[in-house]
């Protein structure tokens, strides 16, 4: 039987957990052991895009687990080939490498950039990254991350990263002048952990970065771990523009709760990693690959990405209207929404949970972050607003 909350735990204390536990979920809702229902506007931090316990995903996992889970990448894996084909179709990329997490996918992207530089005779290649970014917690990805709190205590960090303000094209141009050994730029289309930050010029920022990468022969690398898999109302956020990156990473919603990530390349990044230069014991297992295939297939069949765009726009419009006069800023695309409050609001997480039975998140101190399921219905969106708006209003009026 599971350990009870009042019993001692042997878990490493790496998480500041909330004093609540959920035993089951269904769609947009989570339930505690006493069957109390909570509306989930966080979905495991942008992971369960199709909601909890989706019957099609659950059936695929159960059937595959009872058939074959793992054989290793020493052998052909038909489900991996099929999943890669489906992901290539929706992403516009050519090569796919399956990892177990977003951080691992970003590690692979960093390796590609360094190998790209090495092939050009650059001994110490550098990668441009953005302030307030988040790319993971492995040593290389936390070094790339633009958050000193994440990096604190882990020196010496990995060298080779040049940091610029997010959305500042002039800073990138200046870096190009001062650092002739730059080989790539790694950015998030929208900074999730950083506060659901969009560049001042919107998605046209990505087009400007693409032009600079073309000019200087850099790899354009996009971290779409949080923005991918339909989250912003397109399969990938870069598809709000006309450009295509050279390298892209994703995870989170790719497995709807099953741990899996992907590293993708196209154009001049194709073929940089060959046999023996990268690998993963659990990358693209039979089970994991079938989950990816099923998630992508279900997103398409249920038109969940289109729904995310439509219902997400409605939520943003209603938040702006209902919170007018409260000095808040609402931003985001699709089902990736940030509500910038005029003061720090970490306590809103507990207020929303305990008083309104609503699961939300606060990031960057003063930003309420909403990451609802992509298939949230209009009625559920209204229920979210009914619970969230008064929670924010009462908090700001206090």
Protein backbone atom coordinates (compact mmCIF):
# COMPACT_ATOMS: atom_id res chain seq x y z
CA UNK A 1 0.00 0.00 0.00
CA UNK A 2 1.22 3.57 -0.61
CA UNK A 3 2.99 5.32 2.26
CA UNK A 4 0.62 7.57 4.21
CA UNK A 5 1.40 11.33 4.45
CA UNK A 6 2.17 11.15 8.19
CA UNK A 7 4.80 8.43 7.75
CA UNK A 8 8.50 9.31 7.30
CA UNK A 9 9.66 9.69 3.72
CA UNK A 10 12.94 8.58 2.20
CA UNK A 11 12.53 10.88 -0.80
CA UNK A 12 15.25 13.44 -1.42
CA UNK A 13 13.86 16.86 -0.50
CA UNK A 14 14.23 18.42 -3.94
CA UNK A 15 10.63 19.62 -4.22
CA UNK A 16 8.60 22.10 -2.18
CA UNK A 17 5.45 20.01 -2.28
CA UNK A 18 1.92 21.25 -1.64
CA UNK A 19 0.02 19.49 1.12
CA UNK A 20 -2.32 17.66 -1.21
CA UNK A 21 -2.33 14.39 -3.11
CA UNK A 22 -4.43 13.24 -6.05
CA UNK A 23 -5.37 9.61 -6.59
CA UNK A 24 -7.12 9.81 -9.96
CA UNK A 25 -7.93 12.15 -12.80
CA UNK A 26 -10.35 12.39 -15.69
CA UNK A 27 -10.06 14.97 -18.44
CA UNK A 28 -9.68 18.45 -16.94
CA UNK A 29 -10.28 17.25 -13.35
CA UNK A 30 -8.24 15.75 -10.52
CA UNK A 31 -9.60 13.94 -7.45
CA UNK A 32 -8.29 13.39 -3.94
CA UNK A 33 -8.81 10.18 -1.95
CA UNK A 34 -12.06 11.56 -0.49
CA UNK A 35 -13.26 12.24 -4.08
CA UNK A 36 -13.01 16.03 -3.86
CA UNK A 37 -12.91 17.39 -7.41
CA UNK A 38 -10.41 20.03 -8.58
CA UNK A 39 -10.34 21.77 -11.94
CA UNK A 40 -6.81 21.39 -13.28
CA UNK A 41 -5.52 24.45 -15.15
CA UNK A 42 -1.91 23.28 -14.92
CA UNK A 43 -2.04 19.71 -16.35
CA UNK A 44 1.22 18.58 -14.79
CA UNK A 45 2.98 21.77 -15.99
CA UNK A 46 1.93 21.57 -19.66
CA UNK A 47 2.25 17.78 -19.83
CA UNK A 48 -1.25 16.29 -20.05
CA UNK A 49 -2.44 18.20 -23.10
CA UNK A 50 -5.19 15.66 -23.75
CA UNK A 51 -6.26 15.70 -20.11
CA UNK A 52 -5.92 13.02 -17.46
CA UNK A 53 -6.53 9.31 -18.12
CA UNK A 54 -7.44 9.83 -21.76
CA UNK A 55 -9.05 6.50 -22.72
CA UNK A 56 -7.24 6.13 -26.06
CA UNK A 57 -3.81 6.83 -24.53
CA UNK A 58 -4.54 4.58 -21.55
CA UNK A 59 -5.63 1.72 -23.82
CA UNK A 60 -2.48 2.02 -25.96
CA UNK A 61 -0.24 1.97 -22.87
CA UNK A 62 -2.03 -1.03 -21.37
CA UNK A 63 -1.99 -3.05 -24.59
CA UNK A 64 1.66 -2.31 -25.34
CA UNK A 65 2.78 -2.94 -21.74
CA UNK A 66 1.19 -6.38 -21.98
CA UNK A 67 2.91 -7.05 -25.34
CA UNK A 68 6.45 -5.60 -25.39
CA UNK A 69 7.94 -2.70 -23.42
CA UNK A 70 11.61 -2.56 -24.37
CA UNK A 71 14.14 -4.24 -26.66
CA UNK A 72 16.89 -1.54 -26.86
CA UNK A 73 18.15 0.49 -29.80
CA UNK A 74 20.35 -2.40 -30.89
CA UNK A 75 17.32 -3.51 -32.91
CA UNK A 76 14.78 -2.02 -35.28
CA UNK A 77 11.78 -0.61 -33.41
CA UNK A 78 8.80 -0.26 -35.79
CA UNK A 79 6.80 1.90 -33.38
CA UNK A 80 9.78 4.27 -33.08
CA UNK A 81 9.99 4.59 -36.86
CA UNK A 82 6.23 5.25 -37.04
CA UNK A 83 6.34 7.83 -34.23
CA UNK A 84 9.25 9.63 -35.91
CA UNK A 85 7.33 9.74 -39.20
CA UNK A 86 4.28 11.25 -37.51
CA UNK A 87 6.36 13.78 -35.59
CA UNK A 88 8.26 14.77 -38.73
CA UNK A 89 4.96 15.39 -40.52
CA UNK A 90 3.61 17.79 -37.89
CA UNK A 91 6.93 19.48 -37.04
CA UNK A 92 8.41 20.04 -40.50
CA UNK A 93 11.69 18.49 -39.33
CA UNK A 94 13.69 15.70 -41.01
CA UNK A 95 15.53 13.73 -38.33
CA UNK A 96 14.14 12.67 -34.94
CA UNK A 97 16.01 11.37 -31.88
CA UNK A 98 13.85 10.26 -28.95
CA UNK A 99 15.06 11.04 -25.43
CA UNK A 100 13.45 10.65 -22.01
CA UNK A 101 13.04 14.31 -21.08
CA UNK A 102 13.28 17.88 -22.29
CA UNK A 103 16.60 18.43 -20.56
CA UNK A 104 18.07 15.43 -22.37
CA UNK A 105 16.75 16.76 -25.68
CA UNK A 106 18.43 20.10 -24.98
CA UNK A 107 21.66 18.33 -24.09
CA UNK A 108 21.50 16.78 -27.54
CA UNK A 109 20.93 20.18 -29.13
CA UNK A 110 23.99 21.58 -27.35
CA UNK A 111 26.04 18.61 -28.58
CA UNK A 112 24.84 19.23 -32.14
CA UNK A 113 25.89 22.89 -31.93
CA UNK A 114 29.35 21.97 -30.64
CA UNK A 115 29.83 19.28 -33.26
CA UNK A 116 28.68 21.74 -35.93
CA UNK A 117 31.37 24.14 -34.76
CA UNK A 118 34.01 21.42 -34.54
CA UNK A 119 33.35 20.39 -38.14
CA UNK A 120 34.18 23.98 -39.13
CA UNK A 121 37.41 23.97 -37.16
CA UNK A 122 36.09 26.09 -34.28
CA UNK A 123 37.86 24.82 -31.16
CA UNK A 124 35.67 26.53 -28.54
CA UNK A 125 32.24 27.06 -30.10
CA UNK A 126 29.75 29.34 -28.34
CA UNK A 127 25.94 29.34 -28.18
CA UNK A 128 23.81 32.46 -27.67
CA UNK A 129 21.06 32.00 -25.05
CA UNK A 130 18.53 34.37 -23.49
CA UNK A 131 18.18 35.94 -20.08
CA UNK A 132 15.24 34.55 -18.03
CA UNK A 133 15.32 31.35 -20.07
CA UNK A 134 14.91 27.83 -18.74
CA UNK A 135 16.41 24.83 -20.53
CA UNK A 136 16.70 22.17 -17.82
CA UNK A 137 18.57 21.10 -14.70
CA UNK A 138 21.40 18.96 -16.03
CA UNK A 139 24.78 20.65 -15.79
CA UNK A 140 24.89 21.89 -19.38
CA UNK A 141 21.22 22.91 -19.56
CA UNK A 142 21.28 24.77 -16.24
CA UNK A 143 24.39 26.56 -17.52
CA UNK A 144 22.37 27.61 -20.58
CA UNK A 145 19.45 28.67 -18.38
CA UNK A 146 19.14 32.38 -17.62
CA UNK A 147 18.26 32.03 -13.94
CA UNK A 148 20.97 32.47 -11.28
CA UNK A 149 18.81 30.77 -8.64
CA UNK A 150 18.81 27.53 -10.66
CA UNK A 151 22.59 27.76 -11.08
CA UNK A 152 23.45 28.65 -7.49
CA UNK A 153 25.84 26.21 -5.83
CA UNK A 154 26.67 24.24 -8.97
CA UNK A 155 29.84 25.98 -10.12
CA UNK A 156 31.88 25.55 -12.18
CA UNK A 157 29.22 25.88 -14.84
CA UNK A 158 29.67 24.64 -18.39
CA UNK A 159 31.41 27.24 -20.58
CA UNK A 160 30.39 28.30 -24.05
CA UNK A 161 27.17 30.30 -23.51
CA UNK A 162 26.68 33.99 -24.31
CA UNK A 163 23.62 35.57 -22.72
CA UNK A 164 21.49 38.31 -24.30
CA UNK A 165 18.14 39.88 -23.31
CA UNK A 166 15.16 37.98 -24.72
CA UNK A 167 13.85 39.66 -27.86
CA UNK A 168 16.86 41.98 -28.25
CA UNK A 169 18.09 41.58 -31.82
CA UNK A 170 20.68 44.34 -31.46
CA UNK A 171 22.28 42.44 -28.57
CA UNK A 172 22.58 39.39 -30.81
CA UNK A 173 24.20 41.48 -33.53
CA UNK A 174 26.65 42.93 -31.01
CA UNK A 175 27.50 39.43 -29.76
CA UNK A 176 28.23 38.39 -33.35
CA UNK A 177 30.77 41.21 -33.67
CA UNK A 178 32.50 40.40 -30.36
CA UNK A 179 32.48 36.61 -30.63
CA UNK A 180 33.53 35.15 -34.00
CA UNK A 181 33.25 31.62 -32.58
CA UNK A 182 29.44 31.64 -32.18
CA UNK A 183 27.85 28.60 -33.84
CA UNK A 184 24.20 28.65 -32.71
CA UNK A 185 21.44 30.41 -30.85
CA UNK A 186 19.13 28.51 -28.47
CA UNK A 187 15.87 30.20 -27.44
CA UNK A 188 12.31 29.49 -26.38
CA UNK A 189 9.60 31.01 -28.63
CA UNK A 190 7.77 31.90 -25.39
CA UNK A 191 9.61 31.76 -22.07
CA UNK A 192 7.47 29.54 -19.87
CA UNK A 193 9.31 29.35 -16.54
CA UNK A 194 10.50 32.92 -17.06
CA UNK A 195 6.94 34.24 -16.79
CA UNK A 196 5.17 33.35 -20.05
CA UNK A 197 7.27 36.05 -21.72
CA UNK A 198 6.76 36.88 -25.36
CA UNK A 199 9.30 39.01 -27.21
CA UNK A 200 8.31 42.70 -27.54
CA UNK A 201 7.98 42.24 -31.32
CA UNK A 202 6.00 39.01 -30.93
CA UNK A 203 6.79 35.97 -33.05
CA UNK A 204 8.49 38.16 -35.67
CA UNK A 205 11.45 37.90 -33.29
CA UNK A 206 11.92 34.34 -34.52
CA UNK A 207 12.02 35.58 -38.12
CA UNK A 208 14.72 38.13 -37.22
CA UNK A 209 16.75 35.44 -35.45
CA UNK A 210 16.38 33.14 -38.47
CA UNK A 211 17.77 35.89 -40.73
CA UNK A 212 20.76 36.42 -38.44
CA UNK A 213 21.46 32.68 -38.31
CA UNK A 214 21.39 32.55 -42.10
CA UNK A 215 23.70 35.56 -42.31
CA UNK A 216 26.31 34.16 -39.90
CA UNK A 217 25.94 30.43 -40.65
CA UNK A 218 24.64 29.67 -37.15
CA UNK A 219 22.22 26.92 -36.20
CA UNK A 220 18.83 28.25 -35.13
CA UNK A 221 17.79 26.02 -32.22
CA UNK A 222 14.34 26.29 -30.63
CA UNK A 223 13.46 24.91 -27.22
CA UNK A 224 9.79 23.98 -27.69
CA UNK A 225 9.64 21.69 -24.68
CA UNK A 226 6.75 23.66 -23.18
CA UNK A 227 5.41 25.47 -26.27
CA UNK A 228 5.25 22.36 -28.47
CA UNK A 229 2.63 19.68 -29.11
CA UNK A 230 -0.26 22.07 -29.63
CA UNK A 231 0.20 24.21 -26.53
CA UNK A 232 0.12 27.60 -28.32
CA UNK A 233 -2.61 26.76 -30.83
CA UNK A 234 -0.15 25.45 -33.45
CA UNK A 235 1.64 22.10 -33.26
CA UNK A 236 4.81 24.09 -32.60
CA UNK A 237 5.05 27.77 -31.74
CA UNK A 238 7.43 28.55 -34.60
CA UNK A 239 4.55 27.65 -36.95
CA UNK A 240 2.97 31.01 -36.10
CA UNK A 241 5.67 32.28 -38.52
CA UNK A 242 7.03 31.28 -41.94
CA UNK A 243 10.47 30.16 -40.73
CA UNK A 244 11.77 26.70 -39.80
CA UNK A 245 14.52 26.14 -37.20
CA UNK A 246 17.55 23.95 -37.84
CA UNK A 247 17.21 22.18 -34.49
CA UNK A 248 14.16 21.86 -32.25
CA UNK A 249 13.54 20.12 -28.95
CA UNK A 250 10.30 19.12 -27.29
CA UNK A 251 8.95 16.96 -24.45
CA UNK A 252 6.14 17.60 -21.90
CA UNK A 253 2.96 17.19 -23.97
CA UNK A 254 4.62 14.73 -26.36
CA UNK A 255 3.70 11.77 -24.11
CA UNK A 256 0.64 13.17 -22.27
CA UNK A 257 2.28 12.17 -18.98
CA UNK A 258 4.55 9.41 -20.22
CA UNK A 259 8.20 10.57 -19.92
CA UNK A 260 9.54 11.15 -23.43
CA UNK A 261 11.31 13.93 -25.31
CA UNK A 262 12.55 14.53 -28.83
CA UNK A 263 15.50 16.20 -30.53
CA UNK A 264 14.78 17.16 -34.15
CA UNK A 265 16.87 18.50 -37.01
CA UNK A 266 16.41 19.68 -40.57
CA UNK A 267 18.50 21.37 -43.26
CA UNK A 268 22.13 21.94 -42.36
CA UNK A 269 21.76 20.23 -38.97
CA UNK A 270 20.88 16.88 -40.54
CA UNK A 271 23.53 14.19 -40.16
CA UNK A 272 25.68 16.01 -37.60
CA UNK A 273 25.09 13.28 -35.04
CA UNK A 274 25.90 9.83 -36.39
CA UNK A 275 26.30 6.30 -35.04
CA UNK A 276 28.19 6.35 -31.74
CA UNK A 277 27.97 10.13 -31.21
CA UNK A 278 24.74 10.10 -29.20
CA UNK A 279 22.39 7.59 -27.63
CA UNK A 280 20.06 6.66 -24.78
CA UNK A 281 19.19 3.32 -23.21
CA UNK A 282 15.53 4.25 -22.79
CA UNK A 283 15.26 6.65 -25.73
CA UNK A 284 12.38 5.63 -27.97
CA UNK A 285 11.40 2.35 -26.32
CA UNK A 286 8.62 0.35 -27.92
CA UNK A 287 6.20 1.55 -25.23
CA UNK A 288 7.32 5.18 -25.32
CA UNK A 289 7.20 5.32 -29.10
CA UNK A 290 3.70 3.90 -29.25
CA UNK A 291 2.59 6.53 -26.74
CA UNK A 292 4.05 9.32 -28.90
CA UNK A 293 2.37 7.92 -32.00
CA UNK A 294 -0.97 7.66 -30.19
CA UNK A 295 -0.76 11.14 -28.69
CA UNK A 296 -0.02 12.75 -32.07
CA UNK A 297 -2.75 10.69 -33.74
CA UNK A 298 -5.28 11.67 -31.06
CA UNK A 299 -4.35 15.36 -31.18
CA UNK A 300 -5.17 15.28 -34.90
CA UNK A 301 -8.35 13.20 -34.71
CA UNK A 302 -9.82 15.28 -31.89
CA UNK A 303 -8.70 18.60 -33.43
CA UNK A 304 -7.24 19.47 -30.04
CA UNK A 305 -4.74 21.99 -31.42
CA UNK A 306 -7.48 24.00 -33.12
CA UNK A 307 -9.54 23.83 -29.94
CA UNK A 308 -6.56 25.12 -27.92
CA UNK A 309 -6.32 28.15 -30.21
CA UNK A 310 -10.05 28.91 -30.07
CA UNK A 311 -10.76 28.29 -26.39
CA UNK A 312 -7.41 29.77 -25.36
CA UNK A 313 -8.23 33.02 -27.18
CA UNK A 314 -11.60 33.10 -25.41
CA UNK A 315 -9.96 32.66 -21.99
CA UNK A 316 -7.47 35.47 -22.68
CA UNK A 317 -10.20 37.83 -23.91
CA UNK A 318 -12.40 37.11 -20.90
CA UNK A 319 -9.53 37.55 -18.45
CA UNK A 320 -8.68 40.92 -19.98
CA UNK A 321 -12.31 42.03 -19.83
CA UNK A 322 -13.12 40.71 -16.36
CA UNK A 323 -9.86 41.94 -14.79
CA UNK A 324 -9.92 45.35 -16.47
CA UNK A 325 -9.02 48.01 -13.93
CA UNK A 326 -6.93 45.65 -11.79
CA UNK A 327 -3.58 46.62 -13.37
CA UNK A 328 -2.90 43.14 -14.70
CA UNK A 329 -1.42 42.12 -18.05
CA UNK A 330 -2.66 38.96 -19.77
CA UNK A 331 -0.41 37.39 -22.40
CA UNK A 332 0.16 34.12 -24.20
CA UNK A 333 -1.14 32.00 -27.04
CA UNK A 334 -3.50 29.03 -27.06
CA UNK A 335 -3.44 27.18 -23.76
CA UNK A 336 -0.25 28.89 -22.53
CA UNK A 337 -1.44 31.94 -20.63
CA UNK A 338 0.29 34.26 -18.19
CA UNK A 339 -1.42 36.83 -15.97
CA UNK A 340 1.09 39.42 -14.75
CA UNK A 341 -0.09 40.84 -11.42
CA UNK A 342 1.16 44.12 -9.93
CA UNK A 343 2.64 42.30 -6.92
CA UNK A 344 4.08 38.91 -5.99
CA UNK A 345 1.33 36.35 -5.72
CA UNK A 346 2.77 32.97 -4.72
CA UNK A 347 0.04 32.58 -2.09
CA UNK A 348 -2.59 32.56 -4.86
CA UNK A 349 -1.71 28.93 -5.56
CA UNK A 350 -3.02 27.84 -2.15
CA UNK A 351 -5.96 30.28 -2.25
CA UNK A 352 -7.13 28.97 -5.64
CA UNK A 353 -6.62 25.35 -4.55
CA UNK A 354 -8.26 25.51 -1.12
CA UNK A 355 -11.00 28.08 -1.63
CA UNK A 356 -11.87 27.62 -5.30
CA UNK A 357 -10.79 24.00 -5.99
CA UNK A 358 -8.64 25.22 -8.87
CA UNK A 359 -5.08 24.10 -9.66
CA UNK A 360 -2.86 26.91 -10.99
CA UNK A 361 0.80 27.84 -10.88
CA UNK A 362 2.74 31.02 -10.13
CA UNK A 363 6.07 31.60 -11.84
CA UNK A 364 8.56 34.48 -11.90
CA UNK A 365 7.08 35.73 -8.62
CA UNK A 366 4.08 37.63 -9.91
CA UNK A 367 2.76 35.69 -12.92
CA UNK A 368 -0.20 33.34 -12.65
CA UNK A 369 0.52 30.66 -15.24
CA UNK A 370 -2.33 28.70 -16.83
CA UNK A 371 -1.61 25.55 -18.85
CA UNK A 372 -5.04 23.91 -19.24
CA UNK A 373 -5.71 20.80 -21.33
CA UNK A 374 -5.81 21.53 -25.05
CA UNK A 375 -9.22 19.86 -25.30
CA UNK A 376 -10.82 21.95 -22.54
CA UNK A 377 -14.45 22.63 -23.43
CA UNK A 378 -16.01 26.12 -23.51
CA UNK A 379 -18.06 25.20 -20.42
CA UNK A 380 -14.91 24.17 -18.56
CA UNK A 381 -13.26 27.43 -19.66
CA UNK A 382 -16.17 29.35 -18.15
CA UNK A 383 -15.79 27.31 -14.97
CA UNK A 384 -12.09 28.18 -14.86
CA UNK A 385 -12.91 31.88 -15.19
CA UNK A 386 -15.64 31.61 -12.57
CA UNK A 387 -13.10 30.29 -10.07
CA UNK A 388 -9.96 32.21 -11.06
CA UNK A 389 -11.23 35.76 -11.58
CA UNK A 390 -12.68 36.23 -8.07
CA UNK A 391 -9.58 34.61 -6.58
CA UNK A 392 -7.39 37.25 -8.27
CA UNK A 393 -9.81 40.10 -7.55
CA UNK A 394 -10.05 39.27 -3.85
CA UNK A 395 -6.29 38.86 -3.60
CA UNK A 396 -5.61 42.26 -5.20
CA UNK A 397 -8.35 43.96 -3.15
CA UNK A 398 -7.00 42.61 0.14
